[in-house]
C-alpha atoms as a PDB file:
ATOM      1  CA  MET A   1      -3.206  63.421  -2.472  1.00  0.00           C
ATOM      2  CA  GLY A   2       0.271  61.754  -2.788  1.00  0.00           C
ATOM      3  CA  THR A   3       0.451  62.532   1.353  1.00  0.00           C
ATOM      4  CA  TYR A   4      -3.011  60.964   1.895  1.00  0.00           C
ATOM      5  CA  ILE A   5      -1.388  58.020  -0.430  1.00  0.00           C
ATOM      6  CA  ALA A   6       1.865  57.454   1.671  1.00  0.00           C
ATOM      7  CA  ARG A   7      -0.349  57.785   4.979  1.00  0.00           C
ATOM      8  CA  ARG A   8      -2.593  55.159   3.840  1.00  0.00           C
ATOM      9  CA  LEU A   9      -0.049  52.812   2.736  1.00  0.00           C
ATOM     10  CA  LEU A  10       1.709  52.845   5.926  1.00  0.00           C
ATOM     11  CA  GLY A  11      -1.337  52.083   8.147  1.00  0.00           C
ATOM     12  CA  MET A  12      -1.810  49.430   5.884  1.00  0.00           C
ATOM     13  CA  ILE A  13       1.393  47.555   7.908  1.00  0.00           C
ATOM     14  CA  PRO A  14      -0.119  47.300  11.531  1.00  0.00           C
ATOM     15  CA  MET A  15      -3.305  45.966  10.181  1.00  0.00           C
ATOM     16  CA  LEU A  16      -1.627  43.275   8.054  1.00  0.00           C
ATOM     17  CA  PHE A  17       0.221  42.394  11.075  1.00  0.00           C
ATOM     18  CA  ALA A  18      -2.977  42.027  12.997  1.00  0.00           C
ATOM     19  CA  ILE A  19      -4.570  40.066  10.249  1.00  0.00           C
ATOM     20  CA  THR A  20      -1.282  37.748  10.152  1.00  0.00           C
ATOM     21  CA  VAL A  21      -0.977  37.130  13.430  1.00  0.00           C
ATOM     22  CA  ALA A  22      -4.867  36.392  14.404  1.00  0.00           C
ATOM     23  CA  THR A  23      -4.469  33.836  10.898  1.00  0.00           C
ATOM     24  CA  PHE A  24      -1.466  32.147  12.590  1.00  0.00           C
ATOM     25  CA  LEU A  25      -2.982  31.956  16.168  1.00  0.00           C
ATOM     26  CA  MET A  26      -6.238  30.354  14.874  1.00  0.00           C
ATOM     27  CA  MET A  27      -4.670  27.804  12.298  1.00  0.00           C
ATOM     28  CA  HIS A  28      -2.702  26.613  15.235  1.00  0.00           C
ATOM     29  CA  ALA A  29      -5.789  26.645  17.522  1.00  0.00           C
ATOM     30  CA  ALA A  30      -7.177  24.280  15.278  1.00  0.00           C
ATOM     31  CA  PRO A  31      -7.074  20.328  16.695  1.00  0.00           C
ATOM     32  CA  GLY A  32      -4.340  18.572  14.519  1.00  0.00           C
ATOM     33  CA  ASN A  33      -1.123  19.860  12.579  1.00  0.00           C
ATOM     34  CA  ALA A  34      -0.273  19.912   9.419  1.00  0.00           C
ATOM     35  CA  ILE A  35       2.119  16.449   9.213  1.00  0.00           C
ATOM     36  CA  GLU A  36      -0.611  14.736  10.849  1.00  0.00           C
ATOM     37  CA  ALA A  37      -3.100  15.630   8.068  1.00  0.00           C
ATOM     38  CA  ILE A  38      -0.650  14.304   5.575  1.00  0.00           C
ATOM     39  CA  LEU A  39       0.864  11.521   7.412  1.00  0.00           C
ATOM     40  CA  ASN A  40      -0.350   7.896   6.247  1.00  0.00           C
ATOM     41  CA  PRO A  41      -1.289   6.006   9.449  1.00  0.00           C
ATOM     42  CA  ALA A  42      -0.877   2.696   8.126  1.00  0.00           C
ATOM     43  CA  ILE A  43       3.231   3.040   8.272  1.00  0.00           C
ATOM     44  CA  LYS A  44       5.192   1.638  11.049  1.00  0.00           C
ATOM     45  CA  ASP A  45       5.815   3.950  13.765  1.00  0.00           C
ATOM     46  CA  PRO A  46       3.798   6.862  12.428  1.00  0.00           C
ATOM     47  CA  GLN A  47       4.214   8.803  16.636  1.00  0.00           C
ATOM     48  CA  GLN A  48       7.830   8.943  15.727  1.00  0.00           C
ATOM     49  CA  LEU A  49       7.770  10.054  12.357  1.00  0.00           C
ATOM     50  CA  GLN A  50       5.547  12.829  13.123  1.00  0.00           C
ATOM     51  CA  GLN A  51       8.086  14.031  15.714  1.00  0.00           C
ATOM     52  CA  GLN A  52      10.571  13.999  13.535  1.00  0.00           C
ATOM     53  CA  LEU A  53       9.153  16.046  10.838  1.00  0.00           C
ATOM     54  CA  LEU A  54       7.525  18.338  13.583  1.00  0.00           C
ATOM     55  CA  HIS A  55      10.663  19.101  14.422  1.00  0.00           C
ATOM     56  CA  ALA A  56      12.322  19.207  10.884  1.00  0.00           C
ATOM     57  CA  ASN A  57       9.884  21.586   9.762  1.00  0.00           C
ATOM     58  CA  GLY A  58      10.318  23.691  12.964  1.00  0.00           C
ATOM     59  CA  LEU A  59       6.835  22.852  14.281  1.00  0.00           C
ATOM     60  CA  ASP A  60       7.548  21.711  17.669  1.00  0.00           C
ATOM     61  CA  LEU A  61       8.674  25.566  18.627  1.00  0.00           C
ATOM     62  CA  PRO A  62       6.840  27.808  20.675  1.00  0.00           C
ATOM     63  CA  LEU A  63       4.015  30.050  18.684  1.00  0.00           C
ATOM     64  CA  TYR A  64       5.853  33.442  18.759  1.00  0.00           C
ATOM     65  CA  GLN A  65       9.333  32.127  17.518  1.00  0.00           C
ATOM     66  CA  GLN A  66       6.964  30.109  14.893  1.00  0.00           C
ATOM     67  CA  TYR A  67       5.601  33.239  13.688  1.00  0.00           C
ATOM     68  CA  LEU A  68       8.779  35.350  13.905  1.00  0.00           C
ATOM     69  CA  ASN A  69      10.134  32.341  11.182  1.00  0.00           C
ATOM     70  CA  TRP A  70       7.413  32.781   8.967  1.00  0.00           C
ATOM     71  CA  ILE A  71       7.320  36.428   9.104  1.00  0.00           C
ATOM     72  CA  GLY A  72      10.726  37.036   8.669  1.00  0.00           C
ATOM     73  CA  ASN A  73      10.837  34.517   5.508  1.00  0.00           C
ATOM     74  CA  PHE A  74       7.974  36.062   3.950  1.00  0.00           C
ATOM     75  CA  LEU A  75       9.354  39.374   3.698  1.00  0.00           C
ATOM     76  CA  ILE A  76      12.499  38.698   2.018  1.00  0.00           C
ATOM     77  CA  GLY A  77      10.607  36.418  -0.712  1.00  0.00           C
ATOM     78  CA  ASN A  78      10.777  33.236   1.039  1.00  0.00           C
ATOM     79  CA  TRP A  79       7.248  32.010   1.303  1.00  0.00           C
ATOM     80  CA  GLY A  80       8.065  28.124   2.162  1.00  0.00           C
ATOM     81  CA  PHE A  81       7.352  24.804   1.489  1.00  0.00           C
ATOM     82  CA  SER A  82       3.442  23.728   0.967  1.00  0.00           C
ATOM     83  CA  PHE A  83       3.472  20.431   2.947  1.00  0.00           C
ATOM     84  CA  GLY A  84       0.165  18.834   1.470  1.00  0.00           C
ATOM     85  CA  GLN A  85       1.627  19.969  -2.122  1.00  0.00           C
ATOM     86  CA  HIS A  86       5.176  18.970  -2.033  1.00  0.00           C
ATOM     87  CA  THR A  87       5.839  22.088  -3.671  1.00  0.00           C
ATOM     88  CA  SER A  88       7.344  25.745  -3.196  1.00  0.00           C
ATOM     89  CA  VAL A  89       4.000  28.011  -2.168  1.00  0.00           C
ATOM     90  CA  LEU A  90       5.454  30.644  -4.652  1.00  0.00           C
ATOM     91  CA  SER A  91       4.684  28.199  -7.702  1.00  0.00           C
ATOM     92  CA  LEU A  92       1.172  27.593  -6.490  1.00  0.00           C
ATOM     93  CA  ILE A  93       0.214  30.931  -5.852  1.00  0.00           C
ATOM     94  CA  GLY A  94       1.296  31.952  -9.705  1.00  0.00           C
ATOM     95  CA  PRO A  95      -0.845  30.110 -11.404  1.00  0.00           C
ATOM     96  CA  ALA A  96      -3.449  30.118  -9.357  1.00  0.00           C
ATOM     97  CA  ILE A  97      -4.067  33.760  -8.944  1.00  0.00           C
ATOM     98  CA  LYS A  98      -3.624  34.220 -12.486  1.00  0.00           C
ATOM     99  CA  ASN A  99      -6.402  31.673 -13.010  1.00  0.00           C
ATOM    100  CA  THR A 100      -8.537  33.429 -10.968  1.00  0.00           C
ATOM    101  CA  LEU A 101      -7.634  37.278 -12.115  1.00  0.00           C
ATOM    102  CA  ILE A 102      -8.913  35.802 -15.228  1.00  0.00           C
ATOM    103  CA  MET A 103     -12.125  34.650 -13.979  1.00  0.00           C
ATOM    104  CA  SER A 104     -12.396  37.554 -11.939  1.00  0.00           C
ATOM    105  CA  ILE A 105     -12.069  39.852 -14.617  1.00  0.00           C
ATOM    106  CA  LEU A 106     -14.282  38.216 -16.815  1.00  0.00           C
ATOM    107  CA  ALA A 107     -17.154  38.410 -14.217  1.00  0.00           C
ATOM    108  CA  GLU A 108     -16.249  42.336 -13.306  1.00  0.00           C
ATOM    109  CA  PHE A 109     -16.464  42.838 -17.301  1.00  0.00           C
ATOM    110  CA  PHE A 110     -19.874  41.139 -17.475  1.00  0.00           C
ATOM    111  CA  THR A 111     -20.964  42.577 -14.496  1.00  0.00           C
ATOM    112  CA  LEU A 112     -20.495  46.364 -15.523  1.00  0.00           C
ATOM    113  CA  ILE A 113     -20.683  46.026 -18.796  1.00  0.00           C
ATOM    114  CA  ILE A 114     -24.414  44.946 -18.431  1.00  0.00           C
ATOM    115  CA  GLY A 115     -25.402  45.861 -14.580  1.00  0.00           C
ATOM    116  CA  ILE A 116     -24.763  49.497 -14.797  1.00  0.00           C
ATOM    117  CA  PRO A 117     -26.368  50.118 -18.498  1.00  0.00           C
ATOM    118  CA  LEU A 118     -29.114  48.185 -17.127  1.00  0.00           C
ATOM    119  CA  GLY A 119     -29.342  50.498 -14.244  1.00  0.00           C
ATOM    120  CA  LEU A 120     -29.689  53.548 -16.316  1.00  0.00           C
ATOM    121  CA  PHE A 121     -32.012  52.477 -18.359  1.00  0.00           C
ATOM    122  CA  GLN A 122     -34.222  51.487 -16.202  1.00  0.00           C
ATOM    123  CA  SER A 123     -33.420  54.939 -13.923  1.00  0.00           C
ATOM    124  CA  ARG A 124     -34.655  56.595 -17.319  1.00  0.00           C
ATOM    125  CA  LYS A 125     -37.839  55.717 -17.381  1.00  0.00           C
ATOM    126  CA  PRO A 126     -38.583  54.648 -13.975  1.00  0.00           C
ATOM    127  CA  TYR A 127     -42.652  52.292 -13.050  1.00  0.00           C
ATOM    128  CA  SER A 128     -42.636  51.629 -17.112  1.00  0.00           C
ATOM    129  CA  SER A 129     -43.142  48.354 -18.359  1.00  0.00           C
ATOM    130  CA  PHE A 130     -39.268  47.824 -19.078  1.00  0.00           C
ATOM    131  CA  ASP A 131     -38.425  48.751 -15.293  1.00  0.00           C
ATOM    132  CA  TYR A 132     -41.182  46.391 -13.822  1.00  0.00           C
ATOM    133  CA  SER A 133     -39.929  43.169 -16.108  1.00  0.00           C
ATOM    134  CA  THR A 134     -35.897  43.803 -15.530  1.00  0.00           C
ATOM    135  CA  SER A 135     -36.549  44.618 -12.145  1.00  0.00           C
ATOM    136  CA  THR A 136     -38.429  41.421 -11.399  1.00  0.00           C
ATOM    137  CA  ALA A 137     -35.714  39.730 -13.374  1.00  0.00           C
ATOM    138  CA  SER A 138     -32.996  41.479 -11.197  1.00  0.00           C
ATOM    139  CA  PHE A 139     -34.918  40.343  -8.286  1.00  0.00           C
ATOM    140  CA  ILE A 140     -34.534  36.642  -9.237  1.00  0.00           C
ATOM    141  CA  LEU A 141     -31.199  36.747  -9.979  1.00  0.00           C
ATOM    142  CA  PHE A 142     -30.213  38.446  -7.010  1.00  0.00           C
ATOM    143  CA  SER A 143     -32.235  35.599  -5.103  1.00  0.00           C
ATOM    144  CA  VAL A 144     -30.647  32.587  -6.204  1.00  0.00           C
ATOM    145  CA  PRO A 145     -27.308  31.807  -5.065  1.00  0.00           C
ATOM    146  CA  SER A 146     -24.385  31.803  -7.649  1.00  0.00           C
ATOM    147  CA  PHE A 147     -23.621  28.059  -7.325  1.00  0.00           C
ATOM    148  CA  ILE A 148     -27.032  27.259  -8.334  1.00  0.00           C
ATOM    149  CA  PHE A 149     -26.328  28.994 -11.605  1.00  0.00           C
ATOM    150  CA  ALA A 150     -22.974  26.719 -11.659  1.00  0.00           C
ATOM    151  CA  ILE A 151     -25.065  23.787 -11.772  1.00  0.00           C
ATOM    152  CA  LEU A 152     -27.439  25.074 -14.308  1.00  0.00           C
ATOM    153  CA  LEU A 153     -24.843  26.143 -16.737  1.00  0.00           C
ATOM    154  CA  ILE A 154     -22.647  23.001 -16.295  1.00  0.00           C
ATOM    155  CA  TYR A 155     -26.010  21.065 -16.934  1.00  0.00           C
ATOM    156  CA  VAL A 156     -26.900  23.154 -20.352  1.00  0.00           C
ATOM    157  CA  PHE A 157     -23.487  24.259 -21.827  1.00  0.00           C
ATOM    158  CA  ALA A 158     -21.349  21.536 -20.607  1.00  0.00           C
ATOM    159  CA  ILE A 159     -22.995  18.039 -20.235  1.00  0.00           C
ATOM    160  CA  LYS A 160     -26.377  18.646 -22.970  1.00  0.00           C
ATOM    161  CA  LEU A 161     -24.930  21.005 -25.517  1.00  0.00           C
ATOM    162  CA  ARG A 162     -20.959  20.057 -24.790  1.00  0.00           C
ATOM    163  CA  ILE A 163     -19.643  23.823 -25.475  1.00  0.00           C
ATOM    164  CA  PHE A 164     -17.678  24.485 -22.817  1.00  0.00           C
ATOM    165  CA  PRO A 165     -15.738  22.543 -20.321  1.00  0.00           C
ATOM    166  CA  SER A 166     -17.236  21.449 -16.943  1.00  0.00           C
ATOM    167  CA  GLN A 167     -14.107  21.602 -15.047  1.00  0.00           C
ATOM    168  CA  GLY A 168     -10.273  22.726 -14.848  1.00  0.00           C
ATOM    169  CA  SER A 169      -8.756  25.787 -15.491  1.00  0.00           C
ATOM    170  CA  MET A 170      -6.949  24.740 -19.306  1.00  0.00           C
ATOM    171  CA  GLY A 171      -7.227  21.936 -21.781  1.00  0.00           C
ATOM    172  CA  THR A 172      -4.674  19.642 -22.540  1.00  0.00           C
ATOM    173  CA  GLY A 173      -4.721  19.585 -26.399  1.00  0.00           C
ATOM    174  CA  PRO A 174      -3.373  22.283 -29.124  1.00  0.00           C
ATOM    175  CA  GLY A 175      -3.334  25.801 -27.562  1.00  0.00           C
ATOM    176  CA  ALA A 176      -3.332  24.337 -24.030  1.00  0.00           C
ATOM    177  CA  GLY A 177      -2.381  26.843 -21.486  1.00  0.00           C
ATOM    178  CA  SER A 178      -2.959  29.922 -23.839  1.00  0.00           C
ATOM    179  CA  LEU A 179      -5.105  32.472 -22.231  1.00  0.00           C
ATOM    180  CA  ILE A 180      -7.662  32.313 -25.128  1.00  0.00           C
ATOM    181  CA  ASP A 181      -8.082  28.419 -23.670  1.00  0.00           C
ATOM    182  CA  HIS A 182      -8.205  30.165 -19.803  1.00  0.00           C
ATOM    183  CA  ILE A 183     -10.772  32.346 -20.613  1.00  0.00           C
ATOM    184  CA  TYR A 184     -12.718  29.705 -22.314  1.00  0.00           C
ATOM    185  CA  HIS A 185     -12.405  27.696 -19.207  1.00  0.00           C
ATOM    186  CA  ALA A 186     -13.175  30.577 -17.276  1.00  0.00           C
ATOM    187  CA  LEU A 187     -16.333  31.446 -19.220  1.00  0.00           C
ATOM    188  CA  LEU A 188     -18.914  29.469 -16.704  1.00  0.00           C
ATOM    189  CA  PRO A 189     -17.730  30.210 -13.811  1.00  0.00           C
ATOM    190  CA  ALA A 190     -17.369  33.844 -14.871  1.00  0.00           C
ATOM    191  CA  ILE A 191     -20.914  34.075 -15.819  1.00  0.00           C
ATOM    192  CA  SER A 192     -22.072  32.124 -12.796  1.00  0.00           C
ATOM    193  CA  ILE A 193     -20.509  35.317 -10.211  1.00  0.00           C
ATOM    194  CA  ALA A 194     -21.841  37.803 -12.958  1.00  0.00           C
ATOM    195  CA  LEU A 195     -25.351  37.018 -13.263  1.00  0.00           C
ATOM    196  CA  VAL A 196     -25.808  37.731  -9.013  1.00  0.00           C
ATOM    197  CA  SER A 197     -23.697  40.709  -9.721  1.00  0.00           C
ATOM    198  CA  LEU A 198     -24.981  42.491 -12.354  1.00  0.00           C
ATOM    199  CA  ALA A 199     -28.441  42.268 -10.281  1.00  0.00           C
ATOM    200  CA  PHE A 200     -27.106  43.611  -7.758  1.00  0.00           C
ATOM    201  CA  TYR A 201     -24.956  46.404  -9.901  1.00  0.00           C
ATOM    202  CA  SER A 202     -28.382  47.369 -11.651  1.00  0.00           C
ATOM    203  CA  ARG A 203     -30.848  47.736  -8.899  1.00  0.00           C
ATOM    204  CA  GLN A 204     -28.020  50.027  -7.045  1.00  0.00           C
ATOM    205  CA  THR A 205     -27.371  52.088 -10.426  1.00  0.00           C
ATOM    206  CA  ARG A 206     -31.067  52.718 -10.589  1.00  0.00           C
ATOM    207  CA  GLY A 207     -31.500  53.925  -7.177  1.00  0.00           C
ATOM    208  CA  ALA A 208     -28.763  56.122  -7.210  1.00  0.00           C
ATOM    209  CA  VAL A 209     -29.284  57.718 -10.518  1.00  0.00           C
ATOM    210  CA  LEU A 210     -33.309  57.889  -8.960  1.00  0.00           C
ATOM    211  CA  GLU A 211     -32.025  59.972  -5.798  1.00  0.00           C
ATOM    212  CA  VAL A 212     -29.535  61.975  -7.216  1.00  0.00           C
ATOM    213  CA  SER A 213     -32.362  62.863  -9.775  1.00  0.00           C
ATOM    214  CA  ARG A 214     -34.503  64.230  -6.699  1.00  0.00           C
ATOM    215  CA  ARG A 215     -31.466  66.796  -5.629  1.00  0.00           C
ATOM    216  CA  ASP A 216     -31.848  70.583  -5.694  1.00  0.00           C
ATOM    217  CA  TYR A 217     -28.597  71.185  -7.807  1.00  0.00           C
ATOM    218  CA  VAL A 218     -30.180  68.622 -10.528  1.00  0.00           C
ATOM    219  CA  ARG A 219     -33.649  71.200 -10.619  1.00  0.00           C
ATOM    220  CA  THR A 220     -31.557  74.626 -10.585  1.00  0.00           C
ATOM    221  CA  ALA A 221     -29.355  72.723 -13.527  1.00  0.00           C
ATOM    222  CA  TYR A 222     -32.561  72.337 -15.323  1.00  0.00           C
ATOM    223  CA  ALA A 223     -33.579  75.639 -14.048  1.00  0.00           C
ATOM    224  CA  LYS A 224     -30.112  77.294 -15.700  1.00  0.00           C
ATOM    225  CA  GLY A 225     -31.734  76.134 -19.091  1.00  0.00           C
ATOM    226  CA  LEU A 226     -29.270  72.828 -19.381  1.00  0.00           C
ATOM    227  CA  ASP A 227     -29.947  70.366 -22.196  1.00  0.00           C
ATOM    228  CA  GLU A 228     -31.147  67.195 -20.246  1.00  0.00           C
ATOM    229  CA  GLY A 229     -28.107  65.051 -22.067  1.00  0.00           C
ATOM    230  CA  SER A 230     -26.029  67.719 -19.968  1.00  0.00           C
ATOM    231  CA  VAL A 231     -27.290  67.301 -16.987  1.00  0.00           C
ATOM    232  CA  PHE A 232     -27.632  63.427 -16.991  1.00  0.00           C
ATOM    233  CA  ARG A 233     -24.242  63.434 -17.678  1.00  0.00           C
ATOM    234  CA  LYS A 234     -22.285  66.110 -15.584  1.00  0.00           C
ATOM    235  CA  HIS A 235     -24.680  66.283 -12.749  1.00  0.00           C
ATOM    236  CA  VAL A 236     -27.019  62.692 -11.838  1.00  0.00           C
ATOM    237  CA  LEU A 237     -24.104  60.590 -13.678  1.00  0.00           C
ATOM    238  CA  ARG A 238     -21.077  61.664 -12.020  1.00  0.00           C
ATOM    239  CA  ASN A 239     -22.823  61.949  -7.892  1.00  0.00           C
ATOM    240  CA  ALA A 240     -24.642  58.432  -9.262  1.00  0.00           C
ATOM    241  CA  MET A 241     -21.555  56.697  -9.222  1.00  0.00           C
ATOM    242  CA  ILE A 242     -20.318  57.607  -6.347  1.00  0.00           C
ATOM    243  CA  PRO A 243     -22.012  54.863  -4.256  1.00  0.00           C
ATOM    244  CA  LEU A 244     -20.616  52.016  -7.373  1.00  0.00           C
ATOM    245  CA  ILE A 245     -17.412  53.161  -6.328  1.00  0.00           C
ATOM    246  CA  THR A 246     -17.694  51.677  -3.085  1.00  0.00           C
ATOM    247  CA  PHE A 247     -19.271  48.143  -4.146  1.00  0.00           C
ATOM    248  CA  PHE A 248     -16.034  47.796  -6.709  1.00  0.00           C
ATOM    249  CA  GLY A 249     -13.525  48.639  -4.123  1.00  0.00           C
ATOM    250  CA  PHE A 250     -14.875  45.803  -2.234  1.00  0.00           C
ATOM    251  CA  ASP A 251     -14.875  43.838  -5.640  1.00  0.00           C
ATOM    252  CA  PHE A 252     -11.326  44.631  -6.159  1.00  0.00           C
ATOM    253  CA  GLY A 253     -10.197  42.276  -3.308  1.00  0.00           C
ATOM    254  CA  GLY A 254     -12.172  39.173  -5.105  1.00  0.00           C
ATOM    255  CA  LEU A 255     -10.652  39.964  -8.432  1.00  0.00           C
ATOM    256  CA  VAL A 256      -7.645  38.138  -6.336  1.00  0.00           C
ATOM    257  CA  ALA A 257      -9.784  36.094  -3.569  1.00  0.00           C
ATOM    258  CA  GLY A 258     -12.050  34.375  -6.222  1.00  0.00           C
ATOM    259  CA  SER A 259     -14.936  32.125  -5.319  1.00  0.00           C
ATOM    260  CA  VAL A 260     -14.219  29.122  -2.637  1.00  0.00           C
ATOM    261  CA  ILE A 261     -17.507  27.349  -3.873  1.00  0.00           C
ATOM    262  CA  LEU A 262     -17.541  28.096  -7.448  1.00  0.00           C
ATOM    263  CA  GLU A 263     -14.245  27.211  -7.830  1.00  0.00           C
ATOM    264  CA  GLY A 264     -14.978  23.857  -6.362  1.00  0.00           C
ATOM    265  CA  ILE A 265     -17.660  23.216  -8.512  1.00  0.00           C
ATOM    266  CA  PHE A 266     -15.809  23.667 -11.643  1.00  0.00           C
ATOM    267  CA  GLN A 267     -12.502  22.305  -9.810  1.00  0.00           C
ATOM    268  CA  TYR A 268     -10.813  25.484 -11.449  1.00  0.00           C
ATOM    269  CA  GLN A 269      -7.244  25.936 -10.071  1.00  0.00           C
ATOM    270  CA  GLY A 270      -7.596  29.109  -8.767  1.00  0.00           C
ATOM    271  CA  MET A 271      -6.879  31.086  -5.344  1.00  0.00           C
ATOM    272  CA  GLY A 272     -10.134  30.053  -3.775  1.00  0.00           C
ATOM    273  CA  LEU A 273      -9.662  25.819  -4.120  1.00  0.00           C
ATOM    274  CA  LEU A 274      -5.743  26.563  -3.395  1.00  0.00           C
ATOM    275  CA  THR A 275      -6.786  28.158  -0.171  1.00  0.00           C
ATOM    276  CA  ILE A 276      -9.943  25.538   0.439  1.00  0.00           C
ATOM    277  CA  THR A 277      -7.619  22.745   0.070  1.00  0.00           C
ATOM    278  CA  ALA A 278      -4.679  24.448   2.140  1.00  0.00           C
ATOM    279  CA  VAL A 279      -7.381  24.534   5.034  1.00  0.00           C
ATOM    280  CA  GLN A 280      -7.981  20.606   4.506  1.00  0.00           C
ATOM    281  CA  GLN A 281      -4.849  19.951   4.764  1.00  0.00           C
ATOM    282  CA  ARG A 282      -3.360  22.254   7.618  1.00  0.00           C
ATOM    283  CA  ASP A 283      -1.376  23.689   5.089  1.00  0.00           C
ATOM    284  CA  TYR A 284      -0.042  26.179   6.814  1.00  0.00           C
ATOM    285  CA  PRO A 285       2.502  28.570   4.280  1.00  0.00           C
ATOM    286  CA  VAL A 286       0.101  28.193   2.411  1.00  0.00           C
ATOM    287  CA  ILE A 287      -3.032  29.147   4.218  1.00  0.00           C
ATOM    288  CA  MET A 288      -0.972  32.469   5.508  1.00  0.00           C
ATOM    289  CA  ALA A 289       0.797  33.474   2.094  1.00  0.00           C
ATOM    290  CA  THR A 290      -3.314  33.300   0.362  1.00  0.00           C
ATOM    291  CA  THR A 291      -4.382  35.211   3.831  1.00  0.00           C
ATOM    292  CA  VAL A 292      -1.829  37.785   3.340  1.00  0.00           C
ATOM    293  CA  LEU A 293      -2.240  38.768  -0.356  1.00  0.00           C
ATOM    294  CA  PHE A 294      -6.290  38.729   0.150  1.00  0.00           C
ATOM    295  CA  ALA A 295      -5.822  41.282   2.858  1.00  0.00           C
ATOM    296  CA  VAL A 296      -3.614  43.679   0.797  1.00  0.00           C
ATOM    297  CA  ALA A 297      -5.991  43.217  -2.091  1.00  0.00           C
ATOM    298  CA  ILE A 298      -9.083  44.244   0.029  1.00  0.00           C
ATOM    299  CA  LEU A 299      -6.830  46.978   1.677  1.00  0.00           C
ATOM    300  CA  LEU A 300      -5.987  48.231  -1.907  1.00  0.00           C
ATOM    301  CA  GLY A 301      -9.276  47.936  -3.291  1.00  0.00           C
ATOM    302  CA  ASN A 302     -10.623  50.637  -0.385  1.00  0.00           C
ATOM    303  CA  LEU A 303      -8.077  53.102  -1.291  1.00  0.00           C
ATOM    304  CA  LEU A 304      -8.412  53.296  -5.172  1.00  0.00           C
ATOM    305  CA  ALA A 305     -12.143  53.515  -4.369  1.00  0.00           C
ATOM    306  CA  ASP A 306     -10.728  56.497  -2.300  1.00  0.00           C
ATOM    307  CA  ILE A 307      -9.226  57.939  -4.348  1.00  0.00           C
ATOM    308  CA  ALA A 308     -11.769  57.343  -6.962  1.00  0.00           C
ATOM    309  CA  TYR A 309     -14.148  59.533  -5.045  1.00  0.00           C
ATOM    310  CA  ALA A 310     -11.749  62.598  -5.235  1.00  0.00           C
ATOM    311  CA  ALA A 311     -12.071  61.640  -9.000  1.00  0.00           C
ATOM    312  CA  ALA A 312     -15.549  61.489  -9.244  1.00  0.00           C
ATOM    313  CA  ASP A 313     -16.845  64.337  -6.702  1.00  0.00           C
ATOM    314  CA  PRO A 314     -14.531  67.080  -6.834  1.00  0.00           C
ATOM    315  CA  ARG A 315     -15.628  68.034  -3.457  1.00  0.00           C
ATOM    316  CA  ILE A 316     -13.706  65.600  -1.869  1.00  0.00           C
ATOM    317  CA  ARG A 317     -10.265  66.329  -0.900  1.00  0.00           C
ATOM    318  CA  TYR A 318      -7.281  64.620   0.939  1.00  0.00           C
ATOM    319  CA  ASN A 319      -5.034  66.550   2.503  1.00  0.00           C
END
């Protein structure tokens, strides 16, 4: 297993290199540049000032040289300076990734503690009235975009009931910036994500359990005289979790990436909002930093999923 993990980690290096090169080229292929996006056109002689700023920031160099300069600085911990927000990239990434992690972990928590148990209950009594009613509710939840839920939650709980804030990631009063304050502000966007995700997980869990329950080894376990609880725990549930591990591996990338649309609606200062703001401002250093973090999170999520496969199914071995 250790050899496999080391090989996978080494294999991430060329993948990350290809991702950063593609992102870098796409950014520079777009019309305009970072300086033009933030420069006030009303100032005197904007063209001359733009050329001076481009030269000062090395943006008039050939693309390959700009990329080599960026990657060299990035590897030694210098992630650059934000053109749009006039501060270091690291000072932006730190609070943003913290906020996104709080929101995403909350959403994943609600998804797993509701979605998987709901799917298990459905599979234990398939085609019952409970199964039909919860399946209908799941289909409705899954078919509605998460931003619709976000708008409804804001209207009900922020505007009408005034229980939760409608915007921001932290308050301004006593206790502002504490973990409880961050969780309080992250609840509505987290619930908006979870309402769609738990419907998906419940359907996948139900389907996986019903499929595994029909396998020959499950019938053999019953024929050996094992009680239903033992068969379900050791044979059905463990094998049914394997497809869900795949989805959780993809969700791991979302823990860092967040949700651009929801963070925009709630003006939640996470990685999604930071990225879309950087794209609008052609803020190359911020875009490159968030792209690398997203890519690393997705690759690590896939690696963790592969490791979890081996833990869930003893037949899987990595040599």
